[in-house]
Amino acid sequence: MRMRLSFMAVACALLAGCSGGGGMARLQQFVATADAGYRPPVKPVPKIPAPHIVAFKMHHHIDPFEPFAMRLPGRGPNPDRHLPKGPLQRFPLDALTMVGTLSAGPKLWALVRTPDHSTHRVQVGSYMGEHYGKVVRITAHKIHLVETVAGPTGWVKQPVTLVIK
């Protein structure tokens, strides 16, 4: 028990020594005044010259955003790009849905729904999709198209079908 009591007395003495009132005030005063007059040298911000503005005029230059094959007329089956775009050519082909067919005698039309939920009647010769897709045949369950797509060396025709859903 005496051992325990002496240990407690030593621990209290050590803790009392750590609280030393005068040492902390001197430390705080030193920290407050140590860098009071010091100002690091700051280099001025370099002046950036104004950029030279150049107007890009397209009339005699190649459009850098146009696919390469579109720049080469005469290579492959060129689409008629002057044809007015129909309402179904504003959407990619995978966004269009065949929803049914209509028939009047031997003539068959397909019904196609767009992403904005409007329905259009399509016949052979109509254009659909963003890649100049021309309807070549309509059956009860499919629309057969031929798209003219820009390939790496020129225009390429590829068959595509749109199935009823």
N, C-alpha and C. Protein backbone atom coordinates (compact mmCIF):
# COMPACT_ATOMS: atom_id res chain seq x y z
N MET A 1 0.81 -1.17 0.00
CA MET A 1 0.00 0.00 0.00
C MET A 1 0.87 1.26 0.00
N ARG A 2 1.95 1.19 0.76
CA ARG A 2 2.87 2.30 0.79
C ARG A 2 3.45 2.55 -0.60
N MET A 3 3.70 1.49 -1.30
CA MET A 3 4.26 1.58 -2.65
C MET A 3 3.27 2.30 -3.56
N ARG A 4 2.06 1.97 -3.40
CA ARG A 4 1.01 2.56 -4.22
C ARG A 4 0.87 4.05 -3.90
N LEU A 5 0.92 4.39 -2.68
CA LEU A 5 0.79 5.78 -2.26
C LEU A 5 1.97 6.61 -2.75
N SER A 6 3.14 6.06 -2.70
CA SER A 6 4.31 6.79 -3.18
C SER A 6 4.27 6.96 -4.71
N PHE A 7 3.78 5.98 -5.39
CA PHE A 7 3.65 6.07 -6.86
C PHE A 7 2.68 7.17 -7.23
N MET A 8 1.58 7.29 -6.49
CA MET A 8 0.58 8.32 -6.77
C MET A 8 1.16 9.71 -6.50
N ALA A 9 1.97 9.82 -5.50
CA ALA A 9 2.57 11.11 -5.15
C ALA A 9 3.53 11.56 -6.24
N VAL A 10 4.32 10.63 -6.77
CA VAL A 10 5.27 10.95 -7.84
C VAL A 10 4.52 11.35 -9.10
N ALA A 11 3.44 10.65 -9.43
CA ALA A 11 2.65 10.95 -10.63
C ALA A 11 2.02 12.34 -10.52
N CYS A 12 1.52 12.70 -9.36
CA CYS A 12 0.92 14.03 -9.16
C CYS A 12 1.98 15.11 -9.29
N ALA A 13 3.17 14.85 -8.79
CA ALA A 13 4.24 15.83 -8.87
C ALA A 13 4.66 16.06 -10.33
N LEU A 14 4.73 15.00 -11.09
CA LEU A 14 5.09 15.12 -12.51
C LEU A 14 4.03 15.89 -13.28
N LEU A 15 2.78 15.60 -13.00
CA LEU A 15 1.70 16.31 -13.70
C LEU A 15 1.67 17.78 -13.31
N ALA A 16 1.95 18.09 -12.08
CA ALA A 16 1.98 19.48 -11.64
C ALA A 16 3.13 20.22 -12.32
N GLY A 17 4.23 19.53 -12.58
CA GLY A 17 5.37 20.15 -13.24
C GLY A 17 5.10 20.45 -14.71
N CYS A 18 4.26 19.67 -15.32
CA CYS A 18 3.96 19.87 -16.74
C CYS A 18 3.10 21.10 -16.95
N SER A 19 2.33 21.48 -15.99
CA SER A 19 1.43 22.61 -16.19
C SER A 19 2.15 23.94 -16.07
N GLY A 20 3.38 23.97 -15.68
CA GLY A 20 4.22 25.15 -15.46
C GLY A 20 3.68 26.39 -16.11
N GLY A 21 3.14 27.32 -15.38
CA GLY A 21 2.47 28.48 -15.89
C GLY A 21 3.36 29.41 -16.69
N GLY A 22 4.60 29.66 -16.28
CA GLY A 22 5.43 30.66 -16.93
C GLY A 22 5.97 30.23 -18.28
N GLY A 23 6.26 28.97 -18.47
CA GLY A 23 6.88 28.49 -19.71
C GLY A 23 5.96 28.62 -20.91
N MET A 24 4.70 28.40 -20.71
CA MET A 24 3.75 28.44 -21.83
C MET A 24 3.53 29.87 -22.31
N ALA A 25 3.51 30.82 -21.42
CA ALA A 25 3.30 32.23 -21.80
C ALA A 25 4.49 32.72 -22.62
N ARG A 26 5.70 32.31 -22.20
CA ARG A 26 6.89 32.72 -22.96
C ARG A 26 6.87 32.11 -24.36
N LEU A 27 6.40 30.86 -24.47
CA LEU A 27 6.34 30.20 -25.78
C LEU A 27 5.32 30.90 -26.69
N GLN A 28 4.19 31.25 -26.14
CA GLN A 28 3.17 31.93 -26.94
C GLN A 28 3.66 33.30 -27.41
N GLN A 29 4.40 34.01 -26.54
CA GLN A 29 4.94 35.32 -26.91
C GLN A 29 5.97 35.16 -28.02
N PHE A 30 6.81 34.14 -27.95
CA PHE A 30 7.82 33.90 -28.98
C PHE A 30 7.17 33.62 -30.34
N VAL A 31 6.15 32.77 -30.35
CA VAL A 31 5.47 32.41 -31.60
C VAL A 31 4.82 33.65 -32.22
N ALA A 32 4.26 34.53 -31.38
CA ALA A 32 3.57 35.72 -31.89
C ALA A 32 4.56 36.73 -32.48
N THR A 33 5.77 36.81 -31.96
CA THR A 33 6.71 37.83 -32.41
C THR A 33 7.82 37.30 -33.32
N ALA A 34 7.94 36.00 -33.48
CA ALA A 34 9.07 35.45 -34.23
C ALA A 34 9.04 35.87 -35.70
N ASP A 35 7.91 35.87 -36.32
CA ASP A 35 7.87 36.20 -37.74
C ASP A 35 7.08 37.47 -38.01
N ALA A 36 7.01 38.35 -37.03
CA ALA A 36 6.21 39.57 -37.18
C ALA A 36 6.76 40.49 -38.26
N GLY A 37 8.04 40.64 -38.38
CA GLY A 37 8.59 41.57 -39.37
C GLY A 37 9.02 40.91 -40.66
N TYR A 38 8.88 39.60 -40.77
CA TYR A 38 9.37 38.89 -41.96
C TYR A 38 8.32 38.91 -43.07
N ARG A 39 8.73 39.31 -44.24
CA ARG A 39 7.87 39.27 -45.42
C ARG A 39 8.66 38.57 -46.53
N PRO A 40 8.16 37.42 -47.00
CA PRO A 40 8.91 36.72 -48.05
C PRO A 40 8.85 37.51 -49.36
N PRO A 41 9.92 37.42 -50.14
CA PRO A 41 9.91 38.14 -51.42
C PRO A 41 8.92 37.47 -52.39
N VAL A 42 8.10 38.28 -53.06
CA VAL A 42 7.11 37.78 -54.01
C VAL A 42 7.43 38.37 -55.37
N LYS A 43 7.61 37.47 -56.34
CA LYS A 43 7.87 37.94 -57.69
C LYS A 43 6.56 38.41 -58.32
N PRO A 44 6.59 39.44 -59.12
CA PRO A 44 5.35 39.89 -59.76
C PRO A 44 4.87 38.85 -60.78
N VAL A 45 3.56 38.80 -60.98
CA VAL A 45 2.95 37.85 -61.92
C VAL A 45 3.35 38.27 -63.33
N PRO A 46 3.86 37.33 -64.13
CA PRO A 46 4.28 37.70 -65.49
C PRO A 46 3.06 38.10 -66.33
N LYS A 47 3.25 39.06 -67.20
CA LYS A 47 2.18 39.51 -68.07
C LYS A 47 2.05 38.54 -69.24
N ILE A 48 0.82 38.09 -69.46
CA ILE A 48 0.55 37.15 -70.56
C ILE A 48 0.07 37.98 -71.75
N PRO A 49 0.73 37.82 -72.89
CA PRO A 49 0.30 38.61 -74.04
C PRO A 49 -1.08 38.15 -74.53
N ALA A 50 -1.82 39.07 -75.08
CA ALA A 50 -3.15 38.75 -75.61
C ALA A 50 -2.99 37.83 -76.82
N PRO A 51 -3.86 36.83 -76.97
CA PRO A 51 -3.73 35.91 -78.10
C PRO A 51 -4.08 36.60 -79.42
N HIS A 52 -3.44 36.13 -80.46
CA HIS A 52 -3.72 36.66 -81.80
C HIS A 52 -4.95 35.94 -82.33
N ILE A 53 -6.01 36.65 -82.59
CA ILE A 53 -7.27 36.06 -83.03
C ILE A 53 -7.27 35.96 -84.55
N VAL A 54 -7.59 34.74 -85.02
CA VAL A 54 -7.65 34.48 -86.46
C VAL A 54 -9.06 34.01 -86.79
N ALA A 55 -9.67 34.61 -87.77
CA ALA A 55 -11.01 34.19 -88.21
C ALA A 55 -10.85 33.05 -89.22
N PHE A 56 -11.56 31.93 -88.98
CA PHE A 56 -11.49 30.77 -89.88
C PHE A 56 -12.61 30.88 -90.89
N LYS A 57 -12.26 30.99 -92.15
CA LYS A 57 -13.25 31.11 -93.21
C LYS A 57 -13.29 29.80 -93.98
N MET A 58 -14.49 29.23 -94.07
CA MET A 58 -14.64 27.88 -94.62
C MET A 58 -14.75 27.82 -96.14
N HIS A 59 -14.92 28.92 -96.85
CA HIS A 59 -15.28 28.81 -98.25
C HIS A 59 -14.26 28.08 -99.12
N HIS A 60 -12.99 28.06 -98.77
CA HIS A 60 -12.01 27.36 -99.61
C HIS A 60 -11.26 26.27 -98.84
N HIS A 61 -11.73 25.94 -97.65
CA HIS A 61 -11.03 24.96 -96.82
C HIS A 61 -11.92 23.74 -96.58
N ILE A 62 -11.29 22.66 -96.17
CA ILE A 62 -12.01 21.43 -95.84
C ILE A 62 -12.55 21.55 -94.42
N ASP A 63 -13.79 21.11 -94.22
CA ASP A 63 -14.39 21.12 -92.89
C ASP A 63 -13.69 20.05 -92.04
N PRO A 64 -13.02 20.41 -90.95
CA PRO A 64 -12.28 19.41 -90.17
C PRO A 64 -13.19 18.46 -89.40
N PHE A 65 -14.48 18.77 -89.28
CA PHE A 65 -15.38 17.93 -88.52
C PHE A 65 -16.21 17.00 -89.41
N GLU A 66 -16.03 17.05 -90.69
CA GLU A 66 -16.78 16.20 -91.61
C GLU A 66 -16.02 14.89 -91.80
N PRO A 67 -16.71 13.74 -91.77
CA PRO A 67 -16.00 12.47 -91.99
C PRO A 67 -15.21 12.48 -93.29
N PHE A 68 -14.11 11.77 -93.30
CA PHE A 68 -13.19 11.79 -94.43
C PHE A 68 -13.87 11.41 -95.75
N ALA A 69 -14.74 10.39 -95.71
CA ALA A 69 -15.37 9.93 -96.95
C ALA A 69 -16.29 10.98 -97.54
N MET A 70 -16.85 11.85 -96.72
CA MET A 70 -17.75 12.88 -97.24
C MET A 70 -16.98 13.95 -98.01
N ARG A 71 -15.67 14.00 -97.83
CA ARG A 71 -14.86 14.98 -98.54
C ARG A 71 -14.50 14.51 -99.94
N LEU A 72 -14.73 13.24 -100.22
CA LEU A 72 -14.28 12.68 -101.48
C LEU A 72 -15.46 12.35 -102.40
N PRO A 73 -16.00 13.32 -103.11
CA PRO A 73 -17.10 12.99 -104.01
C PRO A 73 -16.61 12.10 -105.14
N GLY A 74 -17.45 11.18 -105.56
CA GLY A 74 -17.09 10.30 -106.66
C GLY A 74 -16.53 8.96 -106.21
N ARG A 75 -16.22 8.79 -104.93
CA ARG A 75 -15.69 7.51 -104.45
C ARG A 75 -16.82 6.73 -103.82
N GLY A 76 -17.28 5.70 -104.47
CA GLY A 76 -18.36 4.89 -103.95
C GLY A 76 -19.72 5.49 -104.29
N PRO A 77 -20.79 4.90 -103.73
CA PRO A 77 -22.14 5.38 -104.03
C PRO A 77 -22.50 6.62 -103.21
N ASN A 78 -22.24 7.79 -103.76
CA ASN A 78 -22.51 9.04 -103.04
C ASN A 78 -24.00 9.24 -102.81
N PRO A 79 -24.39 9.61 -101.59
CA PRO A 79 -25.81 9.92 -101.34
C PRO A 79 -26.15 11.30 -101.88
N ASP A 80 -27.42 11.51 -102.12
CA ASP A 80 -27.88 12.83 -102.58
C ASP A 80 -28.05 13.71 -101.35
N ARG A 81 -27.02 14.51 -101.04
CA ARG A 81 -27.05 15.32 -99.83
C ARG A 81 -27.87 16.59 -99.99
N HIS A 82 -28.35 16.85 -101.19
CA HIS A 82 -29.17 18.04 -101.42
C HIS A 82 -30.65 17.75 -101.27
N LEU A 83 -31.01 16.49 -101.11
CA LEU A 83 -32.40 16.10 -100.89
C LEU A 83 -32.88 16.67 -99.57
N PRO A 84 -34.08 17.25 -99.51
CA PRO A 84 -34.56 17.76 -98.20
C PRO A 84 -34.75 16.61 -97.22
N LYS A 85 -34.37 16.84 -95.98
CA LYS A 85 -34.47 15.80 -94.94
C LYS A 85 -35.90 15.64 -94.49
N GLY A 86 -36.36 14.39 -94.40
CA GLY A 86 -37.69 14.10 -93.90
C GLY A 86 -37.70 14.02 -92.38
N PRO A 87 -38.89 13.92 -91.79
CA PRO A 87 -38.98 13.89 -90.32
C PRO A 87 -38.31 12.67 -89.70
N LEU A 88 -38.23 11.56 -90.42
CA LEU A 88 -37.62 10.35 -89.87
C LEU A 88 -36.10 10.33 -90.03
N GLN A 89 -35.54 11.32 -90.73
CA GLN A 89 -34.09 11.38 -90.89
C GLN A 89 -33.42 12.19 -89.79
N ARG A 90 -34.20 12.72 -88.87
CA ARG A 90 -33.64 13.46 -87.74
C ARG A 90 -33.19 12.52 -86.63
N PHE A 91 -33.61 11.26 -86.67
CA PHE A 91 -33.34 10.31 -85.59
C PHE A 91 -32.43 9.19 -86.09
N PRO A 92 -31.58 8.64 -85.21
CA PRO A 92 -30.82 7.44 -85.59
C PRO A 92 -31.78 6.27 -85.78
N LEU A 93 -31.39 5.34 -86.62
CA LEU A 93 -32.27 4.23 -86.96
C LEU A 93 -32.63 3.37 -85.75
N ASP A 94 -31.72 3.23 -84.79
CA ASP A 94 -32.02 2.41 -83.62
C ASP A 94 -33.00 3.09 -82.66
N ALA A 95 -33.30 4.37 -82.88
CA ALA A 95 -34.28 5.07 -82.05
C ALA A 95 -35.69 4.96 -82.64
N LEU A 96 -35.80 4.50 -83.89
CA LEU A 96 -37.10 4.34 -84.55
C LEU A 96 -37.63 2.94 -84.31
N THR A 97 -38.96 2.83 -84.19
CA THR A 97 -39.59 1.54 -83.90
C THR A 97 -40.70 1.28 -84.90
N MET A 98 -40.68 0.12 -85.54
CA MET A 98 -41.78 -0.28 -86.42
C MET A 98 -42.89 -0.81 -85.52
N VAL A 99 -44.10 -0.22 -85.66
CA VAL A 99 -45.20 -0.61 -84.78
C VAL A 99 -46.35 -1.29 -85.52
N GLY A 100 -46.30 -1.34 -86.85
CA GLY A 100 -47.38 -2.01 -87.57
C GLY A 100 -47.30 -1.74 -89.06
N THR A 101 -48.32 -2.26 -89.78
CA THR A 101 -48.41 -2.05 -91.22
C THR A 101 -49.84 -1.69 -91.59
N LEU A 102 -49.98 -1.05 -92.73
CA LEU A 102 -51.29 -0.73 -93.32
C LEU A 102 -51.25 -1.22 -94.75
N SER A 103 -52.37 -1.70 -95.25
CA SER A 103 -52.40 -2.12 -96.65
C SER A 103 -53.67 -1.60 -97.31
N ALA A 104 -53.51 -1.24 -98.57
CA ALA A 104 -54.63 -0.83 -99.40
C ALA A 104 -54.41 -1.51 -100.74
N GLY A 105 -55.08 -2.63 -100.94
CA GLY A 105 -54.84 -3.42 -102.15
C GLY A 105 -53.44 -4.01 -102.10
N PRO A 106 -52.69 -3.86 -103.19
CA PRO A 106 -51.33 -4.42 -103.20
C PRO A 106 -50.32 -3.52 -102.49
N LYS A 107 -50.69 -2.29 -102.19
CA LYS A 107 -49.75 -1.34 -101.57
C LYS A 107 -49.67 -1.58 -100.06
N LEU A 108 -48.45 -1.59 -99.53
CA LEU A 108 -48.22 -1.83 -98.10
C LEU A 108 -47.40 -0.69 -97.52
N TRP A 109 -47.87 -0.11 -96.42
CA TRP A 109 -47.15 0.93 -95.70
C TRP A 109 -46.73 0.39 -94.34
N ALA A 110 -45.64 0.91 -93.84
CA ALA A 110 -45.21 0.56 -92.48
C ALA A 110 -45.47 1.77 -91.58
N LEU A 111 -45.81 1.48 -90.32
CA LEU A 111 -45.99 2.53 -89.33
C LEU A 111 -44.76 2.56 -88.43
N VAL A 112 -44.16 3.74 -88.30
CA VAL A 112 -42.92 3.88 -87.55
C VAL A 112 -43.13 4.94 -86.47
N ARG A 113 -42.72 4.60 -85.24
CA ARG A 113 -42.83 5.53 -84.11
C ARG A 113 -41.45 6.12 -83.81
N THR A 114 -41.43 7.43 -83.57
CA THR A 114 -40.19 8.15 -83.26
C THR A 114 -40.04 8.28 -81.75
N PRO A 115 -38.87 8.70 -81.26
CA PRO A 115 -38.68 8.86 -79.81
C PRO A 115 -39.60 9.91 -79.19
N ASP A 116 -40.10 10.86 -79.99
CA ASP A 116 -41.03 11.85 -79.44
C ASP A 116 -42.48 11.36 -79.51
N HIS A 117 -42.67 10.06 -79.74
CA HIS A 117 -43.96 9.36 -79.72
C HIS A 117 -44.91 9.78 -80.84
N SER A 118 -44.39 10.27 -81.95
CA SER A 118 -45.25 10.51 -83.11
C SER A 118 -45.11 9.31 -84.05
N THR A 119 -46.17 9.01 -84.78
CA THR A 119 -46.19 7.86 -85.67
C THR A 119 -46.22 8.36 -87.11
N HIS A 120 -45.39 7.75 -87.97
CA HIS A 120 -45.29 8.15 -89.38
C HIS A 120 -45.55 6.95 -90.27
N ARG A 121 -46.13 7.23 -91.43
CA ARG A 121 -46.39 6.19 -92.43
C ARG A 121 -45.22 6.18 -93.42
N VAL A 122 -44.67 5.01 -93.68
CA VAL A 122 -43.49 4.86 -94.54
C VAL A 122 -43.85 3.94 -95.70
N GLN A 123 -43.36 4.29 -96.88
CA GLN A 123 -43.56 3.42 -98.05
C GLN A 123 -42.22 3.17 -98.72
N VAL A 124 -42.20 2.30 -99.71
CA VAL A 124 -40.97 2.02 -100.44
C VAL A 124 -40.51 3.31 -101.11
N GLY A 125 -39.23 3.64 -100.94
CA GLY A 125 -38.68 4.87 -101.50
C GLY A 125 -38.52 5.96 -100.45
N SER A 126 -39.13 5.80 -99.26
CA SER A 126 -38.98 6.79 -98.19
C SER A 126 -37.58 6.69 -97.59
N TYR A 127 -37.17 7.76 -96.93
CA TYR A 127 -35.87 7.79 -96.28
C TYR A 127 -36.05 7.82 -94.76
N MET A 128 -35.18 7.08 -94.06
CA MET A 128 -35.24 6.99 -92.59
C MET A 128 -33.82 6.97 -92.04
N GLY A 129 -33.64 7.45 -90.82
CA GLY A 129 -32.34 7.37 -90.15
C GLY A 129 -31.40 8.46 -90.61
N GLU A 130 -30.29 8.56 -89.89
CA GLU A 130 -29.31 9.62 -90.15
C GLU A 130 -28.33 9.29 -91.27
N HIS A 131 -28.33 8.04 -91.75
CA HIS A 131 -27.34 7.61 -92.75
C HIS A 131 -27.98 7.34 -94.10
N TYR A 132 -28.87 8.23 -94.52
CA TYR A 132 -29.49 8.15 -95.84
C TYR A 132 -30.11 6.78 -96.10
N GLY A 133 -30.82 6.24 -95.11
CA GLY A 133 -31.44 4.92 -95.24
C GLY A 133 -32.68 5.00 -96.12
N LYS A 134 -32.67 4.27 -97.22
CA LYS A 134 -33.80 4.27 -98.17
C LYS A 134 -34.55 2.95 -98.04
N VAL A 135 -35.88 3.04 -97.89
CA VAL A 135 -36.71 1.84 -97.76
C VAL A 135 -36.80 1.18 -99.12
N VAL A 136 -36.39 -0.11 -99.19
CA VAL A 136 -36.42 -0.85 -100.46
C VAL A 136 -37.51 -1.92 -100.48
N ARG A 137 -37.97 -2.36 -99.29
CA ARG A 137 -39.02 -3.39 -99.25
C ARG A 137 -39.69 -3.35 -97.88
N ILE A 138 -41.00 -3.60 -97.88
CA ILE A 138 -41.76 -3.67 -96.64
C ILE A 138 -42.51 -4.99 -96.62
N THR A 139 -42.36 -5.73 -95.52
CA THR A 139 -43.13 -6.96 -95.33
C THR A 139 -44.01 -6.76 -94.10
N ALA A 140 -44.76 -7.75 -93.73
CA ALA A 140 -45.68 -7.62 -92.60
C ALA A 140 -44.94 -7.39 -91.28
N HIS A 141 -43.69 -7.85 -91.18
CA HIS A 141 -42.97 -7.76 -89.92
C HIS A 141 -41.63 -7.03 -90.00
N LYS A 142 -41.23 -6.58 -91.20
CA LYS A 142 -39.91 -5.95 -91.35
C LYS A 142 -39.94 -4.81 -92.36
N ILE A 143 -39.05 -3.87 -92.13
CA ILE A 143 -38.75 -2.83 -93.11
C ILE A 143 -37.31 -3.06 -93.55
N HIS A 144 -37.10 -3.24 -94.84
CA HIS A 144 -35.75 -3.45 -95.37
C HIS A 144 -35.25 -2.13 -95.95
N LEU A 145 -34.09 -1.70 -95.48
CA LEU A 145 -33.50 -0.44 -95.92
C LEU A 145 -32.09 -0.69 -96.46
N VAL A 146 -31.61 0.28 -97.21
CA VAL A 146 -30.21 0.31 -97.62
C VAL A 146 -29.67 1.66 -97.20
N GLU A 147 -28.68 1.64 -96.29
CA GLU A 147 -28.05 2.86 -95.81
C GLU A 147 -26.78 3.14 -96.59
N THR A 148 -26.48 4.41 -96.79
CA THR A 148 -25.24 4.82 -97.42
C THR A 148 -24.38 5.44 -96.32
N VAL A 149 -23.34 4.72 -95.94
CA VAL A 149 -22.53 5.09 -94.77
C VAL A 149 -21.14 5.51 -95.23
N ALA A 150 -20.59 6.51 -94.56
CA ALA A 150 -19.22 6.95 -94.86
C ALA A 150 -18.25 5.94 -94.27
N GLY A 151 -17.45 5.32 -95.12
CA GLY A 151 -16.42 4.38 -94.70
C GLY A 151 -15.06 5.05 -94.74
N PRO A 152 -14.00 4.31 -94.44
CA PRO A 152 -12.66 4.92 -94.41
C PRO A 152 -12.15 5.33 -95.78
N THR A 153 -12.63 4.69 -96.85
CA THR A 153 -12.11 5.01 -98.19
C THR A 153 -13.18 5.59 -99.11
N GLY A 154 -14.39 5.74 -98.64
CA GLY A 154 -15.47 6.26 -99.47
C GLY A 154 -16.81 5.82 -98.93
N TRP A 155 -17.85 6.07 -99.67
CA TRP A 155 -19.20 5.70 -99.27
C TRP A 155 -19.46 4.23 -99.51
N VAL A 156 -20.21 3.60 -98.61
CA VAL A 156 -20.52 2.16 -98.69
C VAL A 156 -22.01 1.99 -98.46
N LYS A 157 -22.64 1.12 -99.24
CA LYS A 157 -24.06 0.79 -99.04
C LYS A 157 -24.13 -0.45 -98.18
N GLN A 158 -25.04 -0.43 -97.18
CA GLN A 158 -25.19 -1.60 -96.33
C GLN A 158 -26.67 -1.82 -96.05
N PRO A 159 -27.11 -3.10 -96.12
CA PRO A 159 -28.52 -3.41 -95.85
C PRO A 159 -28.81 -3.41 -94.36
N VAL A 160 -30.00 -2.94 -93.99
CA VAL A 160 -30.43 -2.88 -92.60
C VAL A 160 -31.90 -3.25 -92.57
N THR A 161 -32.33 -3.95 -91.50
CA THR A 161 -33.75 -4.26 -91.33
C THR A 161 -34.24 -3.69 -90.02
N LEU A 162 -35.48 -3.24 -90.02
CA LEU A 162 -36.14 -2.75 -88.83
C LEU A 162 -37.30 -3.71 -88.58
N VAL A 163 -37.31 -4.37 -87.43
CA VAL A 163 -38.28 -5.42 -87.12
C VAL A 163 -39.40 -4.84 -86.28
N ILE A 164 -40.62 -5.34 -86.48
CA ILE A 164 -41.77 -4.87 -85.72
C ILE A 164 -41.63 -5.23 -84.24
N LYS A 165 -42.13 -4.36 -83.37
CA LYS A 165 -42.06 -4.62 -81.93
C LYS A 165 -43.42 -4.58 -81.34
